[in-house]
Every structure is written in structure tokens, then in C-alpha cells.
Amino acid sequence: MNIAGRKFIYEDNNVADMQTENGLVEMNGFNEIESSQQLVYTLIKLGVQSNTAKCLVCLHVHGSSTSRMLQTNCNIRQPDISVAIAELRRLKVVKLDSTASAGRGRPSHIYQLTGTINECIVPFIEEAQDKITYIVSAITTLENLAHRTNR
């Protein structure tokens, strides 16, 4: 299968394409495009919104990107990019650099990860662990309540 110049991103129930410049991309901690697909898929399984996971991995694969570049590389509409970037900024894994446009108009925003991909997935792991703790606690409470009513 020739993967040069295609997009590789998780969409709905299957792994689709996210744009690559040289086909197979060498990434820190990941050797192949398939690893980036797995990263997106696993983040989604942890409860991360799909567009947020796509943007995170896209910034990892391509480095600093404008909103337009993210739209093209991830095949996501601009409003969805804004929502995903807001979530990544809330978690402090993406920083924003504004550059003044030539002449009138809005400044251009350039987004980049604040650390390595290993550092940037930590907040997602912590949120998933918090959810697990909450669920285990709720199960224990439910079992205790059910046990008391059976007496």
C-alpha cells in the first residue's frame, strides 16, 4: 500500500487519512504512521473528542501549524479546530503564537505542542484515571447499597 502524500486520521469507526509530507513520518516515540493512527484511536477510546485527538497528533506529526494547516491536514472544519484547540490549551498542551497580518485583518495564530507527545498525553491519562477512580467508587457504593437492601 502506497501511503505517500495521503492523510491519516481516525474518522468515525475506521482509521482514515492524515496528510503526510514524506509518506512515512519518523516521530518521537513512534516509528510509523500506523502508530499515529493508533495514538488517535486510543485517545478517542479514553474519551478524548476525536477532533481534539486529531489536532494533538497532527501537531505532533507536522509541528507548528496554523488553523488552516490543521483544517487541511486533519480534514476538520474551522469551528471544530477552534473547539479542539481550546481543549488542548485548557490542558496546557498547546501554546498559541500570534503573528500580525500584513496590513489589516486578524492576526494569524500558530499552534504548537508545549512538550513532547509523551508529555502532552499525560493530562489525558490523568483524566482517564480520575474517571476510573470515580467509577470504581460508584460501583462500590452501589454494591454496598444493594447489600444493605437485601438484609
N, C-alpha and C. Protein backbone atom coordinates (compact mmCIF):
# COMPACT_ATOMS: atom_id res chain seq x y z
N MET A 1 0.85 -1.19 0.00
CA MET A 1 0.00 0.00 0.00
C MET A 1 0.88 1.24 0.00
N ASN A 2 0.66 2.11 -0.92
CA ASN A 2 1.41 3.35 -1.02
C ASN A 2 0.73 4.42 -0.17
N ILE A 3 1.44 4.94 0.82
CA ILE A 3 0.82 5.92 1.73
C ILE A 3 1.38 7.32 1.57
N ALA A 4 2.27 7.53 0.61
CA ALA A 4 2.88 8.84 0.43
C ALA A 4 1.84 9.88 0.05
N GLY A 5 1.86 11.02 0.72
CA GLY A 5 1.00 12.15 0.41
C GLY A 5 -0.43 12.00 0.83
N ARG A 6 -0.77 10.96 1.56
CA ARG A 6 -2.14 10.75 2.00
C ARG A 6 -2.36 11.36 3.36
N LYS A 7 -3.60 11.32 3.81
CA LYS A 7 -3.93 11.78 5.15
C LYS A 7 -4.21 10.55 6.01
N PHE A 8 -3.79 10.60 7.26
CA PHE A 8 -4.04 9.50 8.19
C PHE A 8 -4.66 10.03 9.46
N ILE A 9 -5.95 9.92 9.57
CA ILE A 9 -6.66 10.38 10.76
C ILE A 9 -7.81 9.44 11.02
N TYR A 10 -8.13 9.27 12.30
CA TYR A 10 -9.26 8.45 12.71
C TYR A 10 -10.54 9.22 12.44
N GLU A 11 -11.45 8.64 11.71
CA GLU A 11 -12.77 9.23 11.49
C GLU A 11 -13.82 8.18 11.72
N ASP A 12 -14.81 8.52 12.53
CA ASP A 12 -15.91 7.63 12.85
C ASP A 12 -15.40 6.28 13.31
N ASN A 13 -15.76 5.18 12.62
CA ASN A 13 -15.41 3.84 13.08
C ASN A 13 -14.21 3.25 12.36
N ASN A 14 -13.58 4.02 11.51
CA ASN A 14 -12.41 3.48 10.81
C ASN A 14 -11.30 4.50 10.78
N VAL A 15 -10.10 4.03 10.57
CA VAL A 15 -8.95 4.92 10.51
C VAL A 15 -8.80 5.40 9.08
N ALA A 16 -8.93 6.70 8.90
CA ALA A 16 -8.79 7.29 7.57
C ALA A 16 -7.43 7.98 7.49
N ASP A 17 -7.33 8.98 6.64
CA ASP A 17 -6.03 9.56 6.31
C ASP A 17 -5.70 10.86 7.03
N MET A 18 -4.42 11.09 7.35
CA MET A 18 -3.91 12.38 7.84
C MET A 18 -2.72 12.72 6.96
N GLN A 19 -2.69 13.92 6.43
CA GLN A 19 -1.69 14.28 5.45
C GLN A 19 -0.27 14.15 5.98
N THR A 20 0.58 13.58 5.15
CA THR A 20 2.00 13.47 5.48
C THR A 20 2.80 14.07 4.33
N GLU A 21 3.92 14.63 4.65
CA GLU A 21 4.73 15.26 3.62
C GLU A 21 5.60 14.24 2.91
N ASN A 22 6.14 13.29 3.63
CA ASN A 22 7.05 12.32 3.03
C ASN A 22 6.52 10.90 3.13
N GLY A 23 5.23 10.74 3.23
CA GLY A 23 4.68 9.40 3.35
C GLY A 23 4.84 8.91 4.76
N LEU A 24 5.87 8.14 5.03
CA LEU A 24 6.13 7.59 6.36
C LEU A 24 6.88 8.63 7.18
N VAL A 25 6.36 8.96 8.33
CA VAL A 25 6.93 10.01 9.15
C VAL A 25 7.62 9.39 10.35
N GLU A 26 8.82 9.82 10.64
CA GLU A 26 9.56 9.38 11.83
C GLU A 26 9.18 10.32 12.95
N MET A 27 8.59 9.79 14.01
CA MET A 27 8.11 10.62 15.11
C MET A 27 8.81 10.22 16.39
N ASN A 28 8.91 11.17 17.32
CA ASN A 28 9.47 10.88 18.63
C ASN A 28 8.59 9.87 19.34
N GLY A 29 9.12 8.70 19.64
CA GLY A 29 8.37 7.69 20.35
C GLY A 29 7.48 6.84 19.46
N PHE A 30 7.35 7.19 18.21
CA PHE A 30 6.52 6.43 17.28
C PHE A 30 7.29 6.30 15.97
N ASN A 31 7.29 5.10 15.39
CA ASN A 31 8.09 4.87 14.20
C ASN A 31 7.33 4.98 12.90
N GLU A 32 6.03 4.77 12.91
CA GLU A 32 5.29 4.72 11.66
C GLU A 32 3.98 5.49 11.77
N ILE A 33 3.41 5.76 10.61
CA ILE A 33 2.11 6.41 10.54
C ILE A 33 1.07 5.60 11.29
N GLU A 34 1.17 4.28 11.21
CA GLU A 34 0.21 3.43 11.90
C GLU A 34 0.22 3.71 13.41
N SER A 35 1.37 4.07 13.95
CA SER A 35 1.44 4.42 15.37
C SER A 35 0.66 5.68 15.68
N SER A 36 0.69 6.66 14.76
CA SER A 36 -0.09 7.88 14.99
C SER A 36 -1.58 7.58 14.89
N GLN A 37 -1.95 6.68 14.00
CA GLN A 37 -3.36 6.27 13.91
C GLN A 37 -3.78 5.60 15.21
N GLN A 38 -2.93 4.74 15.72
CA GLN A 38 -3.23 4.06 16.98
C GLN A 38 -3.32 5.05 18.13
N LEU A 39 -2.47 6.05 18.12
CA LEU A 39 -2.49 7.07 19.16
C LEU A 39 -3.83 7.81 19.14
N VAL A 40 -4.27 8.24 17.96
CA VAL A 40 -5.56 8.93 17.84
C VAL A 40 -6.68 8.01 18.31
N TYR A 41 -6.69 6.79 17.82
CA TYR A 41 -7.73 5.82 18.16
C TYR A 41 -7.78 5.57 19.67
N THR A 42 -6.63 5.40 20.29
CA THR A 42 -6.57 5.12 21.73
C THR A 42 -7.02 6.33 22.54
N LEU A 43 -6.63 7.52 22.14
CA LEU A 43 -7.10 8.72 22.83
C LEU A 43 -8.62 8.81 22.77
N ILE A 44 -9.19 8.49 21.63
CA ILE A 44 -10.64 8.52 21.48
C ILE A 44 -11.28 7.47 22.39
N LYS A 45 -10.67 6.29 22.47
CA LYS A 45 -11.19 5.25 23.36
C LYS A 45 -11.14 5.70 24.82
N LEU A 46 -10.19 6.56 25.17
CA LEU A 46 -10.10 7.09 26.54
C LEU A 46 -11.14 8.17 26.81
N GLY A 47 -11.85 8.59 25.79
CA GLY A 47 -12.88 9.60 25.97
C GLY A 47 -12.52 10.97 25.42
N VAL A 48 -11.38 11.08 24.79
CA VAL A 48 -10.98 12.35 24.18
C VAL A 48 -11.82 12.55 22.92
N GLN A 49 -12.29 13.78 22.71
CA GLN A 49 -13.05 14.07 21.50
C GLN A 49 -12.17 13.79 20.28
N SER A 50 -12.77 13.26 19.24
CA SER A 50 -11.99 12.84 18.07
C SER A 50 -11.21 14.00 17.44
N ASN A 51 -11.83 15.18 17.33
CA ASN A 51 -11.11 16.32 16.72
C ASN A 51 -9.95 16.78 17.59
N THR A 52 -10.10 16.67 18.89
CA THR A 52 -9.01 17.04 19.81
C THR A 52 -7.84 16.08 19.63
N ALA A 53 -8.15 14.78 19.55
CA ALA A 53 -7.10 13.78 19.35
C ALA A 53 -6.40 13.99 18.00
N LYS A 54 -7.19 14.27 16.96
CA LYS A 54 -6.61 14.50 15.63
C LYS A 54 -5.67 15.69 15.64
N CYS A 55 -6.10 16.81 16.26
CA CYS A 55 -5.27 18.01 16.30
C CYS A 55 -3.98 17.76 17.08
N LEU A 56 -4.09 17.08 18.20
CA LEU A 56 -2.90 16.77 19.00
C LEU A 56 -1.89 15.98 18.19
N VAL A 57 -2.33 14.93 17.54
CA VAL A 57 -1.42 14.08 16.76
C VAL A 57 -0.91 14.83 15.54
N CYS A 58 -1.77 15.62 14.92
CA CYS A 58 -1.34 16.40 13.75
C CYS A 58 -0.23 17.39 14.13
N LEU A 59 -0.38 18.06 15.27
CA LEU A 59 0.67 18.98 15.73
C LEU A 59 1.95 18.22 16.05
N HIS A 60 1.80 17.01 16.53
CA HIS A 60 2.99 16.19 16.80
C HIS A 60 3.69 15.80 15.49
N VAL A 61 2.91 15.36 14.52
CA VAL A 61 3.47 14.89 13.24
C VAL A 61 4.05 16.06 12.44
N HIS A 62 3.31 17.17 12.36
CA HIS A 62 3.70 18.27 11.47
C HIS A 62 4.39 19.43 12.17
N GLY A 63 4.37 19.46 13.49
CA GLY A 63 4.96 20.58 14.21
C GLY A 63 4.02 21.78 14.19
N SER A 64 4.55 22.95 14.41
CA SER A 64 3.75 24.18 14.47
C SER A 64 2.87 24.30 13.25
N SER A 65 1.60 24.65 13.48
CA SER A 65 0.64 24.73 12.38
C SER A 65 -0.34 25.86 12.62
N THR A 66 -0.82 26.43 11.52
CA THR A 66 -1.91 27.40 11.58
C THR A 66 -3.23 26.63 11.59
N SER A 67 -4.31 27.35 11.87
CA SER A 67 -5.62 26.74 11.84
C SER A 67 -5.91 26.17 10.46
N ARG A 68 -5.54 26.90 9.44
CA ARG A 68 -5.76 26.45 8.05
C ARG A 68 -5.00 25.16 7.77
N MET A 69 -3.76 25.06 8.25
CA MET A 69 -2.97 23.85 8.05
C MET A 69 -3.63 22.67 8.77
N LEU A 70 -4.13 22.90 9.99
CA LEU A 70 -4.82 21.84 10.73
C LEU A 70 -6.08 21.41 10.00
N GLN A 71 -6.81 22.38 9.45
CA GLN A 71 -8.02 22.05 8.69
C GLN A 71 -7.68 21.13 7.52
N THR A 72 -6.63 21.47 6.81
CA THR A 72 -6.23 20.68 5.64
C THR A 72 -5.69 19.32 6.05
N ASN A 73 -4.78 19.30 7.00
CA ASN A 73 -4.11 18.05 7.38
C ASN A 73 -5.04 17.08 8.11
N CYS A 74 -5.99 17.61 8.86
CA CYS A 74 -6.88 16.75 9.66
C CYS A 74 -8.24 16.55 9.03
N ASN A 75 -8.53 17.31 7.98
CA ASN A 75 -9.84 17.25 7.34
C ASN A 75 -10.95 17.58 8.35
N ILE A 76 -10.73 18.69 9.07
CA ILE A 76 -11.67 19.16 10.09
C ILE A 76 -12.05 20.60 9.75
N ARG A 77 -13.32 20.97 9.97
CA ARG A 77 -13.78 22.33 9.72
C ARG A 77 -13.19 23.30 10.76
N GLN A 78 -13.11 24.56 10.40
CA GLN A 78 -12.50 25.57 11.26
C GLN A 78 -13.17 25.67 12.62
N PRO A 79 -14.50 25.67 12.73
CA PRO A 79 -15.10 25.75 14.07
C PRO A 79 -14.69 24.57 14.96
N ASP A 80 -14.55 23.40 14.36
CA ASP A 80 -14.14 22.22 15.13
C ASP A 80 -12.67 22.30 15.54
N ILE A 81 -11.85 22.94 14.71
CA ILE A 81 -10.45 23.18 15.07
C ILE A 81 -10.41 24.09 16.29
N SER A 82 -11.22 25.14 16.29
CA SER A 82 -11.25 26.08 17.41
C SER A 82 -11.62 25.39 18.71
N VAL A 83 -12.62 24.52 18.67
CA VAL A 83 -13.04 23.79 19.86
C VAL A 83 -11.93 22.86 20.33
N ALA A 84 -11.31 22.14 19.40
CA ALA A 84 -10.23 21.21 19.76
C ALA A 84 -9.03 21.96 20.35
N ILE A 85 -8.66 23.07 19.73
CA ILE A 85 -7.52 23.86 20.22
C ILE A 85 -7.83 24.43 21.60
N ALA A 86 -9.07 24.87 21.81
CA ALA A 86 -9.45 25.40 23.13
C ALA A 86 -9.27 24.32 24.20
N GLU A 87 -9.66 23.09 23.90
CA GLU A 87 -9.48 21.98 24.85
C GLU A 87 -7.99 21.70 25.08
N LEU A 88 -7.21 21.68 24.03
CA LEU A 88 -5.77 21.43 24.17
C LEU A 88 -5.08 22.57 24.95
N ARG A 89 -5.54 23.78 24.77
CA ARG A 89 -5.00 24.90 25.54
C ARG A 89 -5.42 24.83 27.00
N ARG A 90 -6.67 24.41 27.25
CA ARG A 90 -7.15 24.25 28.63
C ARG A 90 -6.26 23.26 29.38
N LEU A 91 -5.83 22.22 28.68
CA LEU A 91 -4.96 21.20 29.29
C LEU A 91 -3.49 21.60 29.26
N LYS A 92 -3.23 22.77 28.70
CA LYS A 92 -1.87 23.33 28.64
C LYS A 92 -0.90 22.45 27.85
N VAL A 93 -1.40 21.82 26.79
CA VAL A 93 -0.54 21.01 25.93
C VAL A 93 -0.28 21.68 24.59
N VAL A 94 -0.98 22.80 24.35
CA VAL A 94 -0.77 23.57 23.12
C VAL A 94 -0.60 25.03 23.50
N LYS A 95 0.36 25.67 22.86
CA LYS A 95 0.51 27.11 23.06
C LYS A 95 0.23 27.82 21.74
N LEU A 96 -0.14 29.08 21.89
CA LEU A 96 -0.56 29.89 20.76
C LEU A 96 0.43 31.02 20.57
N ASP A 97 0.90 31.18 19.35
CA ASP A 97 1.73 32.34 18.99
C ASP A 97 0.95 33.13 17.96
N SER A 98 0.74 34.42 18.22
CA SER A 98 0.04 35.28 17.28
C SER A 98 1.05 36.08 16.48
N THR A 99 0.79 36.16 15.20
CA THR A 99 1.64 36.99 14.34
C THR A 99 0.74 37.98 13.63
N ALA A 100 1.16 39.23 13.60
CA ALA A 100 0.36 40.26 12.96
C ALA A 100 0.27 39.99 11.47
N SER A 101 -0.92 40.20 10.92
CA SER A 101 -1.08 40.01 9.49
C SER A 101 -0.53 41.22 8.76
N ALA A 102 -0.17 41.02 7.52
CA ALA A 102 0.32 42.13 6.72
C ALA A 102 -0.87 43.02 6.38
N GLY A 103 -0.87 44.21 6.92
CA GLY A 103 -1.98 45.12 6.66
C GLY A 103 -3.10 44.93 7.66
N ARG A 104 -4.32 45.00 7.19
CA ARG A 104 -5.49 44.87 8.05
C ARG A 104 -5.82 43.41 8.29
N GLY A 105 -6.74 43.23 9.21
CA GLY A 105 -7.25 41.88 9.44
C GLY A 105 -6.79 41.30 10.76
N ARG A 106 -7.28 40.12 10.99
CA ARG A 106 -6.95 39.43 12.23
C ARG A 106 -5.52 38.91 12.21
N PRO A 107 -4.91 38.79 13.39
CA PRO A 107 -3.58 38.19 13.43
C PRO A 107 -3.69 36.69 13.12
N SER A 108 -2.63 36.15 12.62
CA SER A 108 -2.58 34.72 12.33
C SER A 108 -2.10 34.00 13.58
N HIS A 109 -2.75 32.89 13.91
CA HIS A 109 -2.36 32.11 15.07
C HIS A 109 -1.59 30.87 14.63
N ILE A 110 -0.50 30.62 15.31
CA ILE A 110 0.29 29.41 15.06
C ILE A 110 0.27 28.60 16.34
N TYR A 111 -0.12 27.34 16.22
CA TYR A 111 -0.25 26.45 17.36
C TYR A 111 0.90 25.46 17.37
N GLN A 112 1.38 25.17 18.59
CA GLN A 112 2.41 24.14 18.73
C GLN A 112 2.28 23.47 20.08
N LEU A 113 2.76 22.23 20.14
CA LEU A 113 2.72 21.49 21.39
C LEU A 113 3.68 22.13 22.38
N THR A 114 3.33 22.05 23.66
CA THR A 114 4.18 22.63 24.70
C THR A 114 5.28 21.68 25.14
N GLY A 115 5.26 20.45 24.68
CA GLY A 115 6.27 19.47 25.04
C GLY A 115 6.26 18.32 24.06
N THR A 116 6.87 17.23 24.46
CA THR A 116 6.88 16.03 23.62
C THR A 116 5.50 15.40 23.64
N ILE A 117 5.25 14.49 22.73
CA ILE A 117 3.97 13.80 22.72
C ILE A 117 3.78 13.03 24.03
N ASN A 118 4.85 12.47 24.57
CA ASN A 118 4.76 11.74 25.84
C ASN A 118 4.31 12.66 26.97
N GLU A 119 4.80 13.89 26.98
CA GLU A 119 4.39 14.87 27.99
C GLU A 119 2.96 15.35 27.74
N CYS A 120 2.59 15.48 26.48
CA CYS A 120 1.27 16.05 26.14
C CYS A 120 0.12 15.07 26.35
N ILE A 121 0.38 13.79 26.43
CA ILE A 121 -0.71 12.85 26.67
C ILE A 121 -0.98 12.64 28.16
N VAL A 122 -0.08 13.13 29.02
CA VAL A 122 -0.25 12.96 30.47
C VAL A 122 -1.60 13.48 30.97
N PRO A 123 -2.05 14.69 30.59
CA PRO A 123 -3.35 15.15 31.10
C PRO A 123 -4.51 14.23 30.70
N PHE A 124 -4.43 13.64 29.53
CA PHE A 124 -5.49 12.73 29.08
C PHE A 124 -5.47 11.44 29.90
N ILE A 125 -4.28 10.97 30.20
CA ILE A 125 -4.14 9.77 31.04
C ILE A 125 -4.67 10.06 32.44
N GLU A 126 -4.31 11.22 32.98
CA GLU A 126 -4.77 11.59 34.33
C GLU A 126 -6.29 11.71 34.38
N GLU A 127 -6.89 12.32 33.35
CA GLU A 127 -8.36 12.44 33.32
C GLU A 127 -9.02 11.06 33.25
N ALA A 128 -8.43 10.14 32.46
CA ALA A 128 -8.98 8.79 32.36
C ALA A 128 -8.85 8.06 33.70
N GLN A 129 -7.73 8.25 34.38
CA GLN A 129 -7.54 7.61 35.69
C GLN A 129 -8.53 8.17 36.71
N ASP A 130 -8.81 9.48 36.64
CA ASP A 130 -9.81 10.08 37.53
C ASP A 130 -11.19 9.48 37.28
N LYS A 131 -11.52 9.27 36.02
CA LYS A 131 -12.81 8.66 35.67
C LYS A 131 -12.89 7.23 36.22
N ILE A 132 -11.80 6.49 36.10
CA ILE A 132 -11.76 5.12 36.63
C ILE A 132 -11.99 5.12 38.13
N THR A 133 -11.30 6.00 38.84
CA THR A 133 -11.46 6.10 40.29
C THR A 133 -12.90 6.42 40.65
N TYR A 134 -13.51 7.35 39.94
CA TYR A 134 -14.90 7.73 40.19
C TYR A 134 -15.83 6.55 39.94
N ILE A 135 -15.63 5.82 38.84
CA ILE A 135 -16.49 4.68 38.51
C ILE A 135 -16.34 3.57 39.53
N VAL A 136 -15.12 3.26 39.93
CA VAL A 136 -14.89 2.21 40.93
C VAL A 136 -15.57 2.60 42.24
N SER A 137 -15.46 3.86 42.63
CA SER A 137 -16.12 4.33 43.85
C SER A 137 -17.64 4.20 43.74
N ALA A 138 -18.19 4.57 42.61
CA ALA A 138 -19.64 4.46 42.41
C ALA A 138 -20.09 3.00 42.43
N ILE A 139 -19.32 2.12 41.87
CA ILE A 139 -19.65 0.68 41.89
C ILE A 139 -19.65 0.16 43.32
N THR A 140 -18.63 0.53 44.08
CA THR A 140 -18.54 0.10 45.47
C THR A 140 -19.73 0.62 46.27
N THR A 141 -20.07 1.88 46.08
CA THR A 141 -21.24 2.45 46.77
C THR A 141 -22.51 1.71 46.38
N LEU A 142 -22.67 1.45 45.11
CA LEU A 142 -23.85 0.73 44.63
C LEU A 142 -23.94 -0.67 45.22
N GLU A 143 -22.81 -1.37 45.26
CA GLU A 143 -22.79 -2.71 45.85
C GLU A 143 -23.14 -2.67 47.33
N ASN A 144 -22.60 -1.69 48.04
CA ASN A 144 -22.91 -1.54 49.47
C ASN A 144 -24.39 -1.25 49.69
N LEU A 145 -24.96 -0.38 48.88
CA LEU A 145 -26.38 -0.06 49.00
C LEU A 145 -27.24 -1.29 48.68
N ALA A 146 -26.87 -2.01 47.66
CA ALA A 146 -27.63 -3.21 47.28
C ALA A 146 -27.53 -4.28 48.37
N HIS A 147 -26.37 -4.40 48.98
CA HIS A 147 -26.15 -5.38 50.05
C HIS A 147 -27.03 -5.05 51.25
N ARG A 148 -27.13 -3.74 51.59
CA ARG A 148 -27.94 -3.31 52.73
C ARG A 148 -29.43 -3.57 52.49
N THR A 149 -29.90 -3.41 51.27
CA THR A 149 -31.33 -3.59 50.98
C THR A 149 -31.71 -5.06 50.92
N ASN A 150 -30.73 -5.95 50.79
CA ASN A 150 -31.00 -7.38 50.74
C ASN A 150 -31.11 -8.00 52.13
N ARG A 151 -30.91 -7.26 53.16
CA ARG A 151 -30.97 -7.82 54.52
C ARG A 151 -32.35 -7.99 55.01
